[in-house]
């Protein structure tokens, strides 16, 4: 059981890093870059670490969203487009 929880923590840590990178350390709600980002699970299920379920939020925004129980649905197409932009950018650097 402990091994499973450690795997979930590692998965979350990795996906959190990808989420921040993908959104360029910018709060999904107010669109400003902040150094103290939280990674919000859109469906409020902390075990659902799919990239399309994670959005970066400022600490303040995260508190408000969590308190309100608002459910966000980040369009899967938006995630794919962001990833493609990143891939294209890094291809140009090679």
C-alpha atoms as a PDB file:
ATOM      1  CA  UNK A   1       0.000   0.000   0.000  1.00  0.00           C
ATOM      2  CA  UNK A   2       2.836   2.429   0.847  1.00  0.00           C
ATOM      3  CA  UNK A   3       4.471   1.763  -2.525  1.00  0.00           C
ATOM      4  CA  UNK A   4       1.226   2.708  -4.286  1.00  0.00           C
ATOM      5  CA  UNK A   5       0.966   5.998  -2.351  1.00  0.00           C
ATOM      6  CA  UNK A   6       4.614   6.812  -3.114  1.00  0.00           C
ATOM      7  CA  UNK A   7       3.937   6.160  -6.805  1.00  0.00           C
ATOM      8  CA  UNK A   8       0.908   8.496  -6.698  1.00  0.00           C
ATOM      9  CA  UNK A   9       2.987  11.231  -5.034  1.00  0.00           C
ATOM     10  CA  UNK A  10       5.730  10.886  -7.644  1.00  0.00           C
ATOM     11  CA  UNK A  11       3.176  10.887 -10.472  1.00  0.00           C
ATOM     12  CA  UNK A  12       1.566  14.043  -9.059  1.00  0.00           C
ATOM     13  CA  UNK A  13       4.940  15.747  -8.611  1.00  0.00           C
ATOM     14  CA  UNK A  14       5.890  14.995 -12.232  1.00  0.00           C
ATOM     15  CA  UNK A  15       2.534  16.035 -13.668  1.00  0.00           C
ATOM     16  CA  UNK A  16       2.565  19.187 -11.528  1.00  0.00           C
ATOM     17  CA  UNK A  17       5.921  20.154 -13.064  1.00  0.00           C
ATOM     18  CA  UNK A  18       4.585  19.512 -16.585  1.00  0.00           C
ATOM     19  CA  UNK A  19       1.440  21.517 -15.814  1.00  0.00           C
ATOM     20  CA  UNK A  20       3.471  24.530 -14.646  1.00  0.00           C
ATOM     21  CA  UNK A  21       5.803  24.252 -17.644  1.00  0.00           C
ATOM     22  CA  UNK A  22       2.941  23.906 -20.096  1.00  0.00           C
ATOM     23  CA  UNK A  23       1.157  26.982 -18.745  1.00  0.00           C
ATOM     24  CA  UNK A  24       4.437  28.892 -18.354  1.00  0.00           C
ATOM     25  CA  UNK A  25       4.023  29.347 -14.585  1.00  0.00           C
ATOM     26  CA  UNK A  26       0.917  31.431 -15.190  1.00  0.00           C
ATOM     27  CA  UNK A  27      -2.267  31.312 -13.138  1.00  0.00           C
ATOM     28  CA  UNK A  28      -5.010  29.828 -15.325  1.00  0.00           C
ATOM     29  CA  UNK A  29      -7.621  32.260 -13.981  1.00  0.00           C
ATOM     30  CA  UNK A  30      -5.958  35.663 -13.832  1.00  0.00           C
ATOM     31  CA  UNK A  31      -3.295  34.964 -16.485  1.00  0.00           C
ATOM     32  CA  UNK A  32      -0.393  36.421 -14.505  1.00  0.00           C
ATOM     33  CA  UNK A  33       2.929  34.758 -13.751  1.00  0.00           C
ATOM     34  CA  UNK A  34       3.411  34.136 -10.073  1.00  0.00           C
ATOM     35  CA  UNK A  35       6.111  32.352  -8.121  1.00  0.00           C
ATOM     36  CA  UNK A  36       3.742  30.698  -5.658  1.00  0.00           C
ATOM     37  CA  UNK A  37       1.563  28.515  -7.864  1.00  0.00           C
ATOM     38  CA  UNK A  38      -0.625  25.664  -6.708  1.00  0.00           C
ATOM     39  CA  UNK A  39      -1.706  22.838  -8.966  1.00  0.00           C
ATOM     40  CA  UNK A  40      -5.490  22.486  -8.870  1.00  0.00           C
ATOM     41  CA  UNK A  41      -7.337  19.263  -9.686  1.00  0.00           C
ATOM     42  CA  UNK A  42     -10.237  20.522 -11.820  1.00  0.00           C
ATOM     43  CA  UNK A  43     -12.582  17.741 -10.762  1.00  0.00           C
ATOM     44  CA  UNK A  44     -11.457  17.958  -7.095  1.00  0.00           C
ATOM     45  CA  UNK A  45     -10.200  14.345  -7.194  1.00  0.00           C
ATOM     46  CA  UNK A  46      -6.654  14.527  -5.843  1.00  0.00           C
ATOM     47  CA  UNK A  47      -5.852  11.078  -7.259  1.00  0.00           C
ATOM     48  CA  UNK A  48      -6.719  12.110 -10.843  1.00  0.00           C
ATOM     49  CA  UNK A  49      -3.363  13.395 -12.078  1.00  0.00           C
ATOM     50  CA  UNK A  50      -4.140  13.478 -15.773  1.00  0.00           C
ATOM     51  CA  UNK A  51      -2.701  16.587 -17.417  1.00  0.00           C
ATOM     52  CA  UNK A  52      -6.141  17.686 -18.594  1.00  0.00           C
ATOM     53  CA  UNK A  53      -7.330  17.664 -14.970  1.00  0.00           C
ATOM     54  CA  UNK A  54      -4.579  19.956 -13.659  1.00  0.00           C
ATOM     55  CA  UNK A  55      -4.379  23.737 -13.888  1.00  0.00           C
ATOM     56  CA  UNK A  56      -1.945  26.134 -12.255  1.00  0.00           C
ATOM     57  CA  UNK A  57      -3.545  28.647  -9.902  1.00  0.00           C
ATOM     58  CA  UNK A  58      -2.123  31.358  -7.697  1.00  0.00           C
ATOM     59  CA  UNK A  59      -2.451  30.546  -3.998  1.00  0.00           C
ATOM     60  CA  UNK A  60      -5.222  33.109  -3.661  1.00  0.00           C
ATOM     61  CA  UNK A  61      -7.160  31.823  -6.685  1.00  0.00           C
ATOM     62  CA  UNK A  62      -6.708  28.237  -5.517  1.00  0.00           C
ATOM     63  CA  UNK A  63      -8.211  29.010  -2.110  1.00  0.00           C
ATOM     64  CA  UNK A  64     -11.218  30.691  -3.732  1.00  0.00           C
ATOM     65  CA  UNK A  65     -11.795  27.913  -6.262  1.00  0.00           C
ATOM     66  CA  UNK A  66     -11.431  25.163  -3.677  1.00  0.00           C
ATOM     67  CA  UNK A  67     -13.776  26.931  -1.265  1.00  0.00           C
ATOM     68  CA  UNK A  68     -16.391  27.503  -3.971  1.00  0.00           C
ATOM     69  CA  UNK A  69     -16.144  23.884  -5.215  1.00  0.00           C
ATOM     70  CA  UNK A  70     -16.144  25.226  -8.781  1.00  0.00           C
ATOM     71  CA  UNK A  71     -15.399  22.537 -11.343  1.00  0.00           C
ATOM     72  CA  UNK A  72     -13.266  23.524 -14.327  1.00  0.00           C
ATOM     73  CA  UNK A  73     -13.106  21.626 -17.541  1.00  0.00           C
ATOM     74  CA  UNK A  74      -9.951  22.499 -19.402  1.00  0.00           C
ATOM     75  CA  UNK A  75     -10.603  21.609 -23.033  1.00  0.00           C
ATOM     76  CA  UNK A  76      -8.444  18.664 -24.064  1.00  0.00           C
ATOM     77  CA  UNK A  77      -7.890  20.414 -27.404  1.00  0.00           C
ATOM     78  CA  UNK A  78      -6.329  23.386 -25.576  1.00  0.00           C
ATOM     79  CA  UNK A  79      -3.821  21.090 -23.853  1.00  0.00           C
ATOM     80  CA  UNK A  80      -2.863  19.458 -27.164  1.00  0.00           C
ATOM     81  CA  UNK A  81      -2.409  22.879 -28.816  1.00  0.00           C
ATOM     82  CA  UNK A  82      -0.195  24.091 -25.963  1.00  0.00           C
ATOM     83  CA  UNK A  83       1.919  20.948 -26.170  1.00  0.00           C
ATOM     84  CA  UNK A  84       2.276  21.301 -29.934  1.00  0.00           C
ATOM     85  CA  UNK A  85       3.423  24.914 -29.560  1.00  0.00           C
ATOM     86  CA  UNK A  86       6.058  23.817 -27.049  1.00  0.00           C
ATOM     87  CA  UNK A  87       7.219  20.972 -29.302  1.00  0.00           C
ATOM     88  CA  UNK A  88       7.481  23.290 -32.303  1.00  0.00           C
ATOM     89  CA  UNK A  89       9.438  25.834 -30.269  1.00  0.00           C
ATOM     90  CA  UNK A  90      11.958  23.265 -29.058  1.00  0.00           C
ATOM     91  CA  UNK A  91      12.326  21.735 -32.528  1.00  0.00           C
ATOM     92  CA  UNK A  92      13.480  25.134 -33.800  1.00  0.00           C
ATOM     93  CA  UNK A  93      16.175  25.190 -31.143  1.00  0.00           C
ATOM     94  CA  UNK A  94      17.661  21.864 -32.313  1.00  0.00           C
END
